[in-house]
Amino acid sequence: MWHGVVMTLIWPLLMILVGVRIATWARASSSSGIYRLLRARASLLWGERADRFLLVAGALVALMGLAGLVGLW
C-alpha cells in the first residue's frame, strides 16, 4: 500500500523540491554548504559554467518530478 503512495506522490514531490532548490541556489550563486559541494564537483568538468549547468540540471530534475506527478513518467 505505501509503496504506491511513495512512487506516485512523495517521490515526484521530493524531486520537484530538490530540483527547484538547486536551480534557486544556482541562480543566486548561493554560498550554502551543500551548494558549494555541488558546485565544486560540477566546476571540475564545467569550469566557469558550473552555475549555469546546475541551473539547467535543477530545472530538469524538477520537470521530471512534475512529469511523474501528473503520470507522464
PDB file of N, CA and C in Angstrom:
ATOM      1  N   MET A   1       0.817  -1.189   0.000  1.00  0.00           N
ATOM      2  CA  MET A   1       0.000   0.000   0.000  1.00  0.00           C
ATOM      3  C   MET A   1       0.870   1.266   0.000  1.00  0.00           C
ATOM      4  N   TRP A   2       1.842   1.339   0.904  1.00  0.00           N
ATOM      5  CA  TRP A   2       2.679   2.534   0.985  1.00  0.00           C
ATOM      6  C   TRP A   2       3.583   2.696  -0.226  1.00  0.00           C
ATOM      7  N   HIS A   3       3.957   1.569  -0.832  1.00  0.00           N
ATOM      8  CA  HIS A   3       4.841   1.645  -1.989  1.00  0.00           C
ATOM      9  C   HIS A   3       4.203   2.457  -3.112  1.00  0.00           C
ATOM     10  N   GLY A   4       2.929   2.262  -3.344  1.00  0.00           N
ATOM     11  CA  GLY A   4       2.236   3.018  -4.389  1.00  0.00           C
ATOM     12  C   GLY A   4       2.182   4.499  -4.097  1.00  0.00           C
ATOM     13  N   VAL A   5       1.969   4.857  -2.843  1.00  0.00           N
ATOM     14  CA  VAL A   5       1.918   6.273  -2.460  1.00  0.00           C
ATOM     15  C   VAL A   5       3.283   6.919  -2.623  1.00  0.00           C
ATOM     16  N   VAL A   6       4.321   6.203  -2.221  1.00  0.00           N
ATOM     17  CA  VAL A   6       5.670   6.747  -2.319  1.00  0.00           C
ATOM     18  C   VAL A   6       6.043   6.982  -3.780  1.00  0.00           C
ATOM     19  N   MET A   7       5.769   6.023  -4.619  1.00  0.00           N
ATOM     20  CA  MET A   7       6.178   6.131  -6.016  1.00  0.00           C
ATOM     21  C   MET A   7       5.341   7.127  -6.809  1.00  0.00           C
ATOM     22  N   THR A   8       4.092   7.324  -6.463  1.00  0.00           N
ATOM     23  CA  THR A   8       3.241   8.194  -7.267  1.00  0.00           C
ATOM     24  C   THR A   8       3.070   9.592  -6.703  1.00  0.00           C
ATOM     25  N   LEU A   9       3.397   9.805  -5.430  1.00  0.00           N
ATOM     26  CA  LEU A   9       3.166  11.117  -4.843  1.00  0.00           C
ATOM     27  C   LEU A   9       4.404  11.692  -4.160  1.00  0.00           C
ATOM     28  N   ILE A  10       4.970  10.966  -3.238  1.00  0.00           N
ATOM     29  CA  ILE A  10       6.047  11.512  -2.425  1.00  0.00           C
ATOM     30  C   ILE A  10       7.337  11.671  -3.233  1.00  0.00           C
ATOM     31  N   TRP A  11       7.716  10.656  -4.004  1.00  0.00           N
ATOM     32  CA  TRP A  11       8.966  10.729  -4.757  1.00  0.00           C
ATOM     33  C   TRP A  11       8.966  11.878  -5.777  1.00  0.00           C
ATOM     34  N   PRO A  12       7.913  12.035  -6.588  1.00  0.00           N
ATOM     35  CA  PRO A  12       7.902  13.180  -7.507  1.00  0.00           C
ATOM     36  C   PRO A  12       7.916  14.529  -6.789  1.00  0.00           C
ATOM     37  N   LEU A  13       7.239  14.640  -5.657  1.00  0.00           N
ATOM     38  CA  LEU A  13       7.265  15.897  -4.908  1.00  0.00           C
ATOM     39  C   LEU A  13       8.664  16.200  -4.393  1.00  0.00           C
ATOM     40  N   LEU A  14       9.371  15.180  -3.920  1.00  0.00           N
ATOM     41  CA  LEU A  14      10.751  15.381  -3.475  1.00  0.00           C
ATOM     42  C   LEU A  14      11.651  15.796  -4.639  1.00  0.00           C
ATOM     43  N   MET A  15      11.436  15.207  -5.793  1.00  0.00           N
ATOM     44  CA  MET A  15      12.218  15.588  -6.963  1.00  0.00           C
ATOM     45  C   MET A  15      11.969  17.050  -7.331  1.00  0.00           C
ATOM     46  N   ILE A  16      10.722  17.479  -7.268  1.00  0.00           N
ATOM     47  CA  ILE A  16      10.394  18.868  -7.581  1.00  0.00           C
ATOM     48  C   ILE A  16      11.065  19.801  -6.584  1.00  0.00           C
ATOM     49  N   LEU A  17      10.963  19.479  -5.306  1.00  0.00           N
ATOM     50  CA  LEU A  17      11.557  20.336  -4.280  1.00  0.00           C
ATOM     51  C   LEU A  17      13.076  20.428  -4.425  1.00  0.00           C
ATOM     52  N   VAL A  18      13.723  19.307  -4.638  1.00  0.00           N
ATOM     53  CA  VAL A  18      15.183  19.307  -4.776  1.00  0.00           C
ATOM     54  C   VAL A  18      15.600  20.053  -6.047  1.00  0.00           C
ATOM     55  N   GLY A  19      14.917  19.805  -7.149  1.00  0.00           N
ATOM     56  CA  GLY A  19      15.255  20.477  -8.397  1.00  0.00           C
ATOM     57  C   GLY A  19      15.085  21.985  -8.320  1.00  0.00           C
ATOM     58  N   VAL A  20      13.986  22.421  -7.721  1.00  0.00           N
ATOM     59  CA  VAL A  20      13.757  23.866  -7.576  1.00  0.00           C
ATOM     60  C   VAL A  20      14.801  24.474  -6.649  1.00  0.00           C
ATOM     61  N   ARG A  21      15.143  23.765  -5.591  1.00  0.00           N
ATOM     62  CA  ARG A  21      16.133  24.290  -4.645  1.00  0.00           C
ATOM     63  C   ARG A  21      17.508  24.434  -5.306  1.00  0.00           C
ATOM     64  N   ILE A  22      17.925  23.432  -6.060  1.00  0.00           N
ATOM     65  CA  ILE A  22      19.219  23.511  -6.740  1.00  0.00           C
ATOM     66  C   ILE A  22      19.209  24.637  -7.770  1.00  0.00           C
ATOM     67  N   ALA A  23      18.117  24.760  -8.523  1.00  0.00           N
ATOM     68  CA  ALA A  23      18.028  25.834  -9.515  1.00  0.00           C
ATOM     69  C   ALA A  23      18.043  27.203  -8.840  1.00  0.00           C
ATOM     70  N   THR A  24      17.385  27.325  -7.695  1.00  0.00           N
ATOM     71  CA  THR A  24      17.372  28.592  -6.966  1.00  0.00           C
ATOM     72  C   THR A  24      18.764  28.933  -6.457  1.00  0.00           C
ATOM     73  N   TRP A  25      19.456  27.950  -5.900  1.00  0.00           N
ATOM     74  CA  TRP A  25      20.826  28.171  -5.444  1.00  0.00           C
ATOM     75  C   TRP A  25      21.719  28.589  -6.601  1.00  0.00           C
ATOM     76  N   ALA A  26      21.558  27.936  -7.744  1.00  0.00           N
ATOM     77  CA  ALA A  26      22.403  28.239  -8.898  1.00  0.00           C
ATOM     78  C   ALA A  26      22.127  29.648  -9.418  1.00  0.00           C
ATOM     79  N   ARG A  27      20.872  30.026  -9.449  1.00  0.00           N
ATOM     80  CA  ARG A  27      20.525  31.354  -9.955  1.00  0.00           C
ATOM     81  C   ARG A  27      21.099  32.448  -9.059  1.00  0.00           C
ATOM     82  N   ALA A  28      21.115  32.208  -7.755  1.00  0.00           N
ATOM     83  CA  ALA A  28      21.613  33.205  -6.809  1.00  0.00           C
ATOM     84  C   ALA A  28      23.115  33.040  -6.526  1.00  0.00           C
ATOM     85  N   SER A  29      23.747  32.027  -7.120  1.00  0.00           N
ATOM     86  CA  SER A  29      25.146  31.702  -6.810  1.00  0.00           C
ATOM     87  C   SER A  29      25.348  31.644  -5.299  1.00  0.00           C
ATOM     88  N   SER A  30      24.556  30.825  -4.662  1.00  0.00           N
ATOM     89  CA  SER A  30      24.497  30.727  -3.211  1.00  0.00           C
ATOM     90  C   SER A  30      25.822  30.285  -2.597  1.00  0.00           C
ATOM     91  N   SER A  31      25.989  30.605  -1.325  1.00  0.00           N
ATOM     92  CA  SER A  31      27.179  30.170  -0.598  1.00  0.00           C
ATOM     93  C   SER A  31      26.823  29.086   0.420  1.00  0.00           C
ATOM     94  N   SER A  32      25.696  28.444   0.232  1.00  0.00           N
ATOM     95  CA  SER A  32      25.277  27.348   1.092  1.00  0.00           C
ATOM     96  C   SER A  32      26.282  26.200   1.000  1.00  0.00           C
ATOM     97  N   GLY A  33      26.452  25.493   2.098  1.00  0.00           N
ATOM     98  CA  GLY A  33      27.427  24.406   2.141  1.00  0.00           C
ATOM     99  C   GLY A  33      27.155  23.312   1.135  1.00  0.00           C
ATOM    100  N   ILE A  34      25.910  22.891   1.026  1.00  0.00           N
ATOM    101  CA  ILE A  34      25.568  21.822   0.090  1.00  0.00           C
ATOM    102  C   ILE A  34      25.791  22.292  -1.344  1.00  0.00           C
ATOM    103  N   TYR A  35      25.385  23.525  -1.637  1.00  0.00           N
ATOM    104  CA  TYR A  35      25.562  24.030  -2.994  1.00  0.00           C
ATOM    105  C   TYR A  35      27.041  24.197  -3.330  1.00  0.00           C
ATOM    106  N   ARG A  36      27.840  24.614  -2.366  1.00  0.00           N
ATOM    107  CA  ARG A  36      29.280  24.751  -2.628  1.00  0.00           C
ATOM    108  C   ARG A  36      29.889  23.407  -3.000  1.00  0.00           C
ATOM    109  N   LEU A  37      29.439  22.332  -2.330  1.00  0.00           N
ATOM    110  CA  LEU A  37      29.935  20.996  -2.680  1.00  0.00           C
ATOM    111  C   LEU A  37      29.509  20.598  -4.088  1.00  0.00           C
ATOM    112  N   LEU A  38      28.232  20.833  -4.417  1.00  0.00           N
ATOM    113  CA  LEU A  38      27.746  20.515  -5.760  1.00  0.00           C
ATOM    114  C   LEU A  38      28.494  21.326  -6.817  1.00  0.00           C
ATOM    115  N   ARG A  39      28.699  22.600  -6.535  1.00  0.00           N
ATOM    116  CA  ARG A  39      29.371  23.465  -7.497  1.00  0.00           C
ATOM    117  C   ARG A  39      30.836  23.066  -7.671  1.00  0.00           C
ATOM    118  N   ALA A  40      31.487  22.668  -6.591  1.00  0.00           N
ATOM    119  CA  ALA A  40      32.884  22.240  -6.696  1.00  0.00           C
ATOM    120  C   ALA A  40      33.008  21.019  -7.606  1.00  0.00           C
ATOM    121  N   ARG A  41      32.076  20.075  -7.468  1.00  0.00           N
ATOM    122  CA  ARG A  41      32.112  18.892  -8.319  1.00  0.00           C
ATOM    123  C   ARG A  41      31.794  19.251  -9.768  1.00  0.00           C
ATOM    124  N   ALA A  42      30.808  20.111  -9.972  1.00  0.00           N
ATOM    125  CA  ALA A  42      30.427  20.493 -11.330  1.00  0.00           C
ATOM    126  C   ALA A  42      31.512  21.325 -12.004  1.00  0.00           C
ATOM    127  N   SER A  43      32.223  22.137 -11.232  1.00  0.00           N
ATOM    128  CA  SER A  43      33.241  23.006 -11.835  1.00  0.00           C
ATOM    129  C   SER A  43      34.450  22.219 -12.330  1.00  0.00           C
ATOM    130  N   LEU A  44      34.639  20.998 -11.856  1.00  0.00           N
ATOM    131  CA  LEU A  44      35.724  20.166 -12.379  1.00  0.00           C
ATOM    132  C   LEU A  44      35.531  19.903 -13.872  1.00  0.00           C
ATOM    133  N   LEU A  45      34.295  19.734 -14.278  1.00  0.00           N
ATOM    134  CA  LEU A  45      34.001  19.458 -15.685  1.00  0.00           C
ATOM    135  C   LEU A  45      33.548  20.710 -16.433  1.00  0.00           C
ATOM    136  N   TRP A  46      32.757  21.553 -15.787  1.00  0.00           N
ATOM    137  CA  TRP A  46      32.124  22.679 -16.469  1.00  0.00           C
ATOM    138  C   TRP A  46      32.844  24.007 -16.266  1.00  0.00           C
ATOM    139  N   GLY A  47      33.784  24.062 -15.346  1.00  0.00           N
ATOM    140  CA  GLY A  47      34.548  25.289 -15.128  1.00  0.00           C
ATOM    141  C   GLY A  47      33.669  26.451 -14.674  1.00  0.00           C
ATOM    142  N   GLU A  48      33.795  27.571 -15.374  1.00  0.00           N
ATOM    143  CA  GLU A  48      33.040  28.778 -15.022  1.00  0.00           C
ATOM    144  C   GLU A  48      31.550  28.644 -15.299  1.00  0.00           C
ATOM    145  N   ARG A  49      31.170  27.653 -16.094  1.00  0.00           N
ATOM    146  CA  ARG A  49      29.756  27.458 -16.433  1.00  0.00           C
ATOM    147  C   ARG A  49      29.045  26.516 -15.472  1.00  0.00           C
ATOM    148  N   ALA A  50      29.645  26.222 -14.327  1.00  0.00           N
ATOM    149  CA  ALA A  50      29.060  25.277 -13.372  1.00  0.00           C
ATOM    150  C   ALA A  50      27.713  25.769 -12.846  1.00  0.00           C
ATOM    151  N   ASP A  51      27.597  27.072 -12.587  1.00  0.00           N
ATOM    152  CA  ASP A  51      26.316  27.594 -12.099  1.00  0.00           C
ATOM    153  C   ASP A  51      25.220  27.410 -13.141  1.00  0.00           C
ATOM    154  N   ARG A  52      25.538  27.672 -14.385  1.00  0.00           N
ATOM    155  CA  ARG A  52      24.551  27.503 -15.455  1.00  0.00           C
ATOM    156  C   ARG A  52      24.157  26.033 -15.602  1.00  0.00           C
ATOM    157  N   PHE A  53      25.152  25.151 -15.518  1.00  0.00           N
ATOM    158  CA  PHE A  53      24.871  23.715 -15.591  1.00  0.00           C
ATOM    159  C   PHE A  53      23.944  23.290 -14.458  1.00  0.00           C
ATOM    160  N   LEU A  54      24.224  23.730 -13.239  1.00  0.00           N
ATOM    161  CA  LEU A  54      23.384  23.342 -12.103  1.00  0.00           C
ATOM    162  C   LEU A  54      21.988  23.950 -12.203  1.00  0.00           C
ATOM    163  N   LEU A  55      21.858  25.124 -12.791  1.00  0.00           N
ATOM    164  CA  LEU A  55      20.551  25.722 -13.016  1.00  0.00           C
ATOM    165  C   LEU A  55      19.727  24.853 -13.967  1.00  0.00           C
ATOM    166  N   VAL A  56      20.329  24.443 -15.059  1.00  0.00           N
ATOM    167  CA  VAL A  56      19.626  23.596 -16.030  1.00  0.00           C
ATOM    168  C   VAL A  56      19.337  22.220 -15.432  1.00  0.00           C
ATOM    169  N   ALA A  57      20.302  21.647 -14.725  1.00  0.00           N
ATOM    170  CA  ALA A  57      20.106  20.328 -14.125  1.00  0.00           C
ATOM    171  C   ALA A  57      18.992  20.363 -13.082  1.00  0.00           C
ATOM    172  N   GLY A  58      18.967  21.403 -12.254  1.00  0.00           N
ATOM    173  CA  GLY A  58      17.901  21.531 -11.265  1.00  0.00           C
ATOM    174  C   GLY A  58      16.540  21.676 -11.916  1.00  0.00           C
ATOM    175  N   ALA A  59      16.474  22.448 -12.986  1.00  0.00           N
ATOM    176  CA  ALA A  59      15.200  22.613 -13.697  1.00  0.00           C
ATOM    177  C   ALA A  59      14.744  21.298 -14.319  1.00  0.00           C
ATOM    178  N   LEU A  60      15.678  20.532 -14.875  1.00  0.00           N
ATOM    179  CA  LEU A  60      15.313  19.241 -15.464  1.00  0.00           C
ATOM    180  C   LEU A  60      14.847  18.237 -14.411  1.00  0.00           C
ATOM    181  N   VAL A  61      15.481  18.237 -13.253  1.00  0.00           N
ATOM    182  CA  VAL A  61      15.035  17.347 -12.168  1.00  0.00           C
ATOM    183  C   VAL A  61      13.623  17.736 -11.737  1.00  0.00           C
ATOM    184  N   ALA A  62      13.355  19.034 -11.617  1.00  0.00           N
ATOM    185  CA  ALA A  62      12.016  19.490 -11.237  1.00  0.00           C
ATOM    186  C   ALA A  62      10.992  19.119 -12.307  1.00  0.00           C
ATOM    187  N   LEU A  63      11.352  19.249 -13.576  1.00  0.00           N
ATOM    188  CA  LEU A  63      10.428  18.884 -14.647  1.00  0.00           C
ATOM    189  C   LEU A  63      10.139  17.382 -14.669  1.00  0.00           C
ATOM    190  N   MET A  64      11.152  16.571 -14.398  1.00  0.00           N
ATOM    191  CA  MET A  64      10.918  15.123 -14.330  1.00  0.00           C
ATOM    192  C   MET A  64      10.022  14.775 -13.146  1.00  0.00           C
ATOM    193  N   GLY A  65      10.199  15.484 -12.033  1.00  0.00           N
ATOM    194  CA  GLY A  65       9.311  15.277 -10.896  1.00  0.00           C
ATOM    195  C   GLY A  65       7.889  15.662 -11.226  1.00  0.00           C
ATOM    196  N   LEU A  66       7.724  16.757 -11.953  1.00  0.00           N
ATOM    197  CA  LEU A  66       6.386  17.181 -12.374  1.00  0.00           C
ATOM    198  C   LEU A  66       5.772  16.166 -13.325  1.00  0.00           C
ATOM    199  N   ALA A  67       6.583  15.640 -14.232  1.00  0.00           N
ATOM    200  CA  ALA A  67       6.091  14.615 -15.147  1.00  0.00           C
ATOM    201  C   ALA A  67       5.655  13.367 -14.374  1.00  0.00           C
ATOM    202  N   GLY A  68       6.392  13.005 -13.347  1.00  0.00           N
ATOM    203  CA  GLY A  68       5.999  11.864 -12.526  1.00  0.00           C
ATOM    204  C   GLY A  68       4.742  12.134 -11.730  1.00  0.00           C
ATOM    205  N   LEU A  69       4.564  13.363 -11.319  1.00  0.00           N
ATOM    206  CA  LEU A  69       3.392  13.719 -10.526  1.00  0.00           C
ATOM    207  C   LEU A  69       2.114  13.651 -11.348  1.00  0.00           C
ATOM    208  N   VAL A  70       2.188  14.067 -12.605  1.00  0.00           N
ATOM    209  CA  VAL A  70       0.995  14.056 -13.451  1.00  0.00           C
ATOM    210  C   VAL A  70       0.829  12.740 -14.200  1.00  0.00           C
ATOM    211  N   GLY A  71       1.772  11.828 -14.037  1.00  0.00           N
ATOM    212  CA  GLY A  71       1.624  10.488 -14.603  1.00  0.00           C
ATOM    213  C   GLY A  71       2.246  10.292 -15.966  1.00  0.00           C
ATOM    214  N   LEU A  72       3.090  11.192 -16.410  1.00  0.00           N
ATOM    215  CA  LEU A  72       3.742  11.045 -17.706  1.00  0.00           C
ATOM    216  C   LEU A  72       4.994  10.186 -17.630  1.00  0.00           C
ATOM    217  N   TRP A  73       5.494   9.933 -16.433  1.00  0.00           N
ATOM    218  CA  TRP A  73       6.729   9.185 -16.270  1.00  0.00           C
ATOM    219  C   TRP A  73       6.527   8.057 -15.325  1.00  0.00           C
TER     220      TRP A  73
END
